[in-house]
Amino acid sequence: MIGTKKLSTIRKEIEKSLASTGADPIQRLERQIASSKRKGENTEVMEGLKRFLQLPLKRRRRPTKRVKPNGTRRLQTSKPNKP
């Protein structure tokens, strides 16, 4: 069960467990996938892990500050306020 772990924490745990031999985790997965395909085994889970590890890390966007005409600042929201 995953629970309330963040994806970044899960990603780090997977990379750590796959890199226990000191090799690149993606290369290790590629070797395991190739071996499983030769044996005729299912590789969907390993291919999914490989895609997950290859995804770029998403950065949290910070709200931008806008300056009002009177010189005060306010945080810009994603939806404009209706009058």
C-alpha atoms as a PDB file:
ATOM      1  CA  MET A   1       0.000   0.000   0.000  1.00  0.00           C
ATOM      2  CA  ILE A   2       1.358   3.387  -0.972  1.00  0.00           C
ATOM      3  CA  GLY A   3      -0.542   5.460   1.578  1.00  0.00           C
ATOM      4  CA  THR A   4       0.322   9.152   1.769  1.00  0.00           C
ATOM      5  CA  LYS A   5       3.837   8.998   0.302  1.00  0.00           C
ATOM      6  CA  LYS A   6       4.729  11.572  -2.308  1.00  0.00           C
ATOM      7  CA  LEU A   7       5.730  10.392  -5.786  1.00  0.00           C
ATOM      8  CA  SER A   8       9.189  11.872  -5.317  1.00  0.00           C
ATOM      9  CA  THR A   9       9.695   9.704  -2.204  1.00  0.00           C
ATOM     10  CA  ILE A  10       8.505   6.607  -4.057  1.00  0.00           C
ATOM     11  CA  ARG A  11      10.795   7.422  -6.997  1.00  0.00           C
ATOM     12  CA  LYS A  12      13.813   7.720  -4.662  1.00  0.00           C
ATOM     13  CA  GLU A  13      12.990   4.413  -2.960  1.00  0.00           C
ATOM     14  CA  ILE A  14      12.673   2.609  -6.299  1.00  0.00           C
ATOM     15  CA  GLU A  15      15.932   4.076  -7.602  1.00  0.00           C
ATOM     16  CA  LYS A  16      17.694   3.143  -4.362  1.00  0.00           C
ATOM     17  CA  SER A  17      16.471  -0.457  -4.444  1.00  0.00           C
ATOM     18  CA  LEU A  18      17.297  -0.886  -8.148  1.00  0.00           C
ATOM     19  CA  ALA A  19      20.726   0.708  -7.770  1.00  0.00           C
ATOM     20  CA  SER A  20      21.768  -1.594  -4.932  1.00  0.00           C
ATOM     21  CA  THR A  21      24.312  -3.214  -7.264  1.00  0.00           C
ATOM     22  CA  GLY A  22      25.854   0.147  -8.132  1.00  0.00           C
ATOM     23  CA  ALA A  23      24.621   0.056 -11.750  1.00  0.00           C
ATOM     24  CA  ASP A  24      22.262   2.485 -13.458  1.00  0.00           C
ATOM     25  CA  PRO A  25      18.672   1.540 -12.444  1.00  0.00           C
ATOM     26  CA  ILE A  26      17.285   2.065 -15.958  1.00  0.00           C
ATOM     27  CA  GLN A  27      19.955  -0.121 -17.546  1.00  0.00           C
ATOM     28  CA  ARG A  28      19.258  -2.819 -14.962  1.00  0.00           C
ATOM     29  CA  LEU A  29      15.545  -2.677 -15.775  1.00  0.00           C
ATOM     30  CA  GLU A  30      16.314  -2.882 -19.504  1.00  0.00           C
ATOM     31  CA  ARG A  31      18.356  -6.055 -18.914  1.00  0.00           C
ATOM     32  CA  GLN A  32      15.588  -7.571 -16.791  1.00  0.00           C
ATOM     33  CA  ILE A  33      12.977  -6.680 -19.428  1.00  0.00           C
ATOM     34  CA  ALA A  34      15.062  -8.243 -22.206  1.00  0.00           C
ATOM     35  CA  SER A  35      15.623 -11.393 -20.139  1.00  0.00           C
ATOM     36  CA  SER A  36      11.921 -11.706 -19.319  1.00  0.00           C
ATOM     37  CA  LYS A  37      10.928 -11.195 -22.969  1.00  0.00           C
ATOM     38  CA  ARG A  38      13.310 -13.977 -24.041  1.00  0.00           C
ATOM     39  CA  LYS A  39      11.643 -16.258 -21.491  1.00  0.00           C
ATOM     40  CA  GLY A  40       8.192 -15.210 -22.715  1.00  0.00           C
ATOM     41  CA  GLU A  41       7.230 -13.628 -19.387  1.00  0.00           C
ATOM     42  CA  ASN A  42       5.078 -10.554 -18.827  1.00  0.00           C
ATOM     43  CA  THR A  43       7.092  -7.300 -18.673  1.00  0.00           C
ATOM     44  CA  GLU A  44       4.364  -4.672 -18.226  1.00  0.00           C
ATOM     45  CA  VAL A  45       5.271  -3.804 -14.632  1.00  0.00           C
ATOM     46  CA  MET A  46       9.002  -3.471 -15.359  1.00  0.00           C
ATOM     47  CA  GLU A  47       8.293  -1.358 -18.451  1.00  0.00           C
ATOM     48  CA  GLY A  48       6.005   0.868 -16.372  1.00  0.00           C
ATOM     49  CA  LEU A  49       8.743   1.313 -13.760  1.00  0.00           C
ATOM     50  CA  LYS A  50      11.205   2.194 -16.493  1.00  0.00           C
ATOM     51  CA  ARG A  51       8.846   4.853 -17.931  1.00  0.00           C
ATOM     52  CA  PHE A  52       8.234   6.229 -14.430  1.00  0.00           C
ATOM     53  CA  LEU A  53      11.965   6.568 -13.748  1.00  0.00           C
ATOM     54  CA  GLN A  54      12.557   8.217 -17.119  1.00  0.00           C
ATOM     55  CA  LEU A  55       9.932  10.917 -16.565  1.00  0.00           C
ATOM     56  CA  PRO A  56      11.413  14.300 -15.744  1.00  0.00           C
ATOM     57  CA  LEU A  57      10.867  15.506 -12.203  1.00  0.00           C
ATOM     58  CA  LYS A  58       8.045  18.017 -11.917  1.00  0.00           C
ATOM     59  CA  ARG A  59       8.928  21.244 -10.195  1.00  0.00           C
ATOM     60  CA  ARG A  60       6.458  22.994  -7.967  1.00  0.00           C
ATOM     61  CA  ARG A  61       5.343  26.295  -9.463  1.00  0.00           C
ATOM     62  CA  ARG A  62       5.383  29.230  -7.130  1.00  0.00           C
ATOM     63  CA  PRO A  63       2.758  31.935  -7.481  1.00  0.00           C
ATOM     64  CA  THR A  64       4.058  35.069  -9.172  1.00  0.00           C
ATOM     65  CA  LYS A  65       3.770  38.462  -7.542  1.00  0.00           C
ATOM     66  CA  ARG A  66       1.972  41.209  -9.392  1.00  0.00           C
ATOM     67  CA  VAL A  67       2.169  44.869  -8.565  1.00  0.00           C
ATOM     68  CA  LYS A  68      -1.148  46.725  -8.313  1.00  0.00           C
ATOM     69  CA  PRO A  69      -1.422  50.203  -9.807  1.00  0.00           C
ATOM     70  CA  ASN A  70      -1.171  51.694  -6.308  1.00  0.00           C
ATOM     71  CA  GLY A  71       2.192  49.984  -5.765  1.00  0.00           C
ATOM     72  CA  THR A  72       1.092  47.198  -3.428  1.00  0.00           C
ATOM     73  CA  ARG A  73       1.782  43.583  -4.250  1.00  0.00           C
ATOM     74  CA  ARG A  74      -0.581  40.657  -4.365  1.00  0.00           C
ATOM     75  CA  LEU A  75      -0.219  37.017  -5.318  1.00  0.00           C
ATOM     76  CA  GLN A  76      -1.521  36.115  -8.738  1.00  0.00           C
ATOM     77  CA  THR A  77      -4.150  33.389  -8.606  1.00  0.00           C
ATOM     78  CA  SER A  78      -4.910  30.909 -11.335  1.00  0.00           C
ATOM     79  CA  LYS A  79      -8.486  32.224 -11.727  1.00  0.00           C
ATOM     80  CA  PRO A  80      -9.241  35.950 -11.837  1.00  0.00           C
ATOM     81  CA  ASN A  81     -11.701  37.244  -9.269  1.00  0.00           C
ATOM     82  CA  LYS A  82     -15.060  38.293 -10.638  1.00  0.00           C
ATOM     83  CA  PRO A  83     -16.322  41.773  -9.657  1.00  0.00           C
END
